[in-house]
Protein backbone atom coordinates (compact mmCIF):
# COMPACT_ATOMS: atom_id res chain seq x y z
CA UNK A 1 57.29 68.32 152.07
CA UNK A 2 60.15 70.60 152.90
CA UNK A 3 63.23 69.50 154.86
CA UNK A 4 67.00 69.89 154.59
CA UNK A 5 68.82 67.98 151.85
CA UNK A 6 72.36 69.27 151.34
CA UNK A 7 75.23 69.16 153.85
CA UNK A 8 74.67 65.85 155.68
CA UNK A 9 72.89 64.22 152.75
CA UNK A 10 72.76 60.68 154.18
CA UNK A 11 71.16 61.84 157.43
CA UNK A 12 68.86 64.29 155.65
CA UNK A 13 67.64 61.61 153.24
CA UNK A 14 66.93 59.28 156.15
CA UNK A 15 64.99 62.04 157.90
CA UNK A 16 63.08 62.95 154.74
CA UNK A 17 61.99 59.33 154.30
CA UNK A 18 60.80 59.30 157.91
CA UNK A 19 58.90 62.56 157.39
CA UNK A 20 57.33 61.17 154.22
CA UNK A 21 56.18 58.07 156.09
CA UNK A 22 54.76 60.26 158.87
CA UNK A 23 52.78 62.33 156.33
CA UNK A 24 51.35 59.15 154.77
CA UNK A 25 50.36 57.91 158.23
CA UNK A 26 48.55 61.22 158.77
CA UNK A 27 46.43 60.58 155.67
CA UNK A 28 48.24 63.08 153.48
CA UNK A 29 49.41 62.45 149.92
CA UNK A 30 52.93 63.88 150.31
CA UNK A 31 55.38 64.90 147.62
CA UNK A 32 59.07 65.27 148.44
CA UNK A 33 61.00 66.53 145.40
CA UNK A 34 64.28 66.30 147.32
CA UNK A 35 63.75 62.53 147.47
CA UNK A 36 62.91 62.28 143.77
CA UNK A 37 65.14 64.53 141.68
CA UNK A 38 68.53 63.76 143.28
CA UNK A 39 68.06 60.19 142.05
CA UNK A 40 68.52 61.37 138.45
CA UNK A 41 70.23 64.75 138.87
CA UNK A 42 73.55 65.71 140.47
CA UNK A 43 72.91 68.07 143.38
CA UNK A 44 76.60 69.06 143.30
CA UNK A 45 76.21 70.36 139.74
CA UNK A 46 74.91 73.96 140.09
CA UNK A 47 72.87 73.83 136.87
CA UNK A 48 71.23 70.52 137.75
CA UNK A 49 70.57 71.67 141.33
CA UNK A 50 68.94 74.85 140.04
CA UNK A 51 66.76 72.81 137.67
CA UNK A 52 65.74 70.41 140.45
CA UNK A 53 64.80 73.33 142.71
CA UNK A 54 62.76 74.82 139.85
CA UNK A 55 60.91 71.52 139.36
CA UNK A 56 60.07 71.47 143.06
CA UNK A 57 58.68 75.01 142.85
CA UNK A 58 56.45 74.03 139.93
CA UNK A 59 55.05 71.11 141.94
CA UNK A 60 54.58 73.34 145.00
CA UNK A 61 51.91 75.32 143.14
CA UNK A 62 49.85 72.09 142.96
CA UNK A 63 50.04 71.43 146.71
CA UNK A 64 47.31 72.12 149.27
CA UNK A 65 49.85 72.66 152.08
CA UNK A 66 53.58 72.88 152.65
CA UNK A 67 54.87 70.84 155.58
CA UNK A 68 58.24 72.08 156.88
CA UNK A 69 60.30 69.68 159.01
CA UNK A 70 63.21 70.33 161.36
CA UNK A 71 64.72 73.30 163.13
CA UNK A 72 67.20 74.21 160.38
CA UNK A 73 65.84 76.17 157.40
CA UNK A 74 68.17 75.98 154.39
CA UNK A 75 68.18 78.54 151.59
CA UNK A 76 66.24 76.11 149.38
CA UNK A 77 63.67 75.53 152.11
CA UNK A 78 63.30 79.27 152.68
CA UNK A 79 62.66 79.74 148.96
CA UNK A 80 59.88 77.13 149.16
CA UNK A 81 58.39 78.80 152.24
CA UNK A 82 58.47 82.18 150.49
CA UNK A 83 56.83 80.73 147.37
CA UNK A 84 54.12 79.01 149.44
CA UNK A 85 53.43 82.30 151.23
CA UNK A 86 53.24 84.13 147.90
CA UNK A 87 50.66 81.66 146.61
CA UNK A 88 48.81 81.60 149.97
CA UNK A 89 49.51 77.91 150.45
CA UNK A 90 49.09 77.03 154.14
CA UNK A 91 52.38 76.18 155.86
CA UNK A 92 52.67 73.73 158.74
CA UNK A 93 55.85 73.37 160.79
CA UNK A 94 57.04 70.16 162.45
CA UNK A 95 60.02 69.27 164.63
CA UNK A 96 62.49 66.56 163.67
CA UNK A 97 60.35 64.27 165.86
CA UNK A 98 57.30 65.04 163.67
CA UNK A 99 55.60 67.08 166.38
CA UNK A 100 53.64 70.01 164.99
CA UNK A 101 54.77 73.45 166.13
CA UNK A 102 51.84 75.76 166.83
């Protein structure tokens, strides 16, 4: 799963949880590193943020698809999209209301 995290963190975490629930309801087995790693790493610390982003990229290689949520694409999200494209991982886009964009 790929969605914004930084900036409005409280709102973005709430949205990410909703997106995760939606993916589960669709029968997917989602992974959202931006819900996991900030629990034990400080996103405001540049070294820890870089490490968390790296961990997410490692996991991405194990994914069958990348689901991108929302209309705003952050730098971190764009990096994930680029990596998924490089590894020919299918990318699906969804609105903030979890409606797929064709």
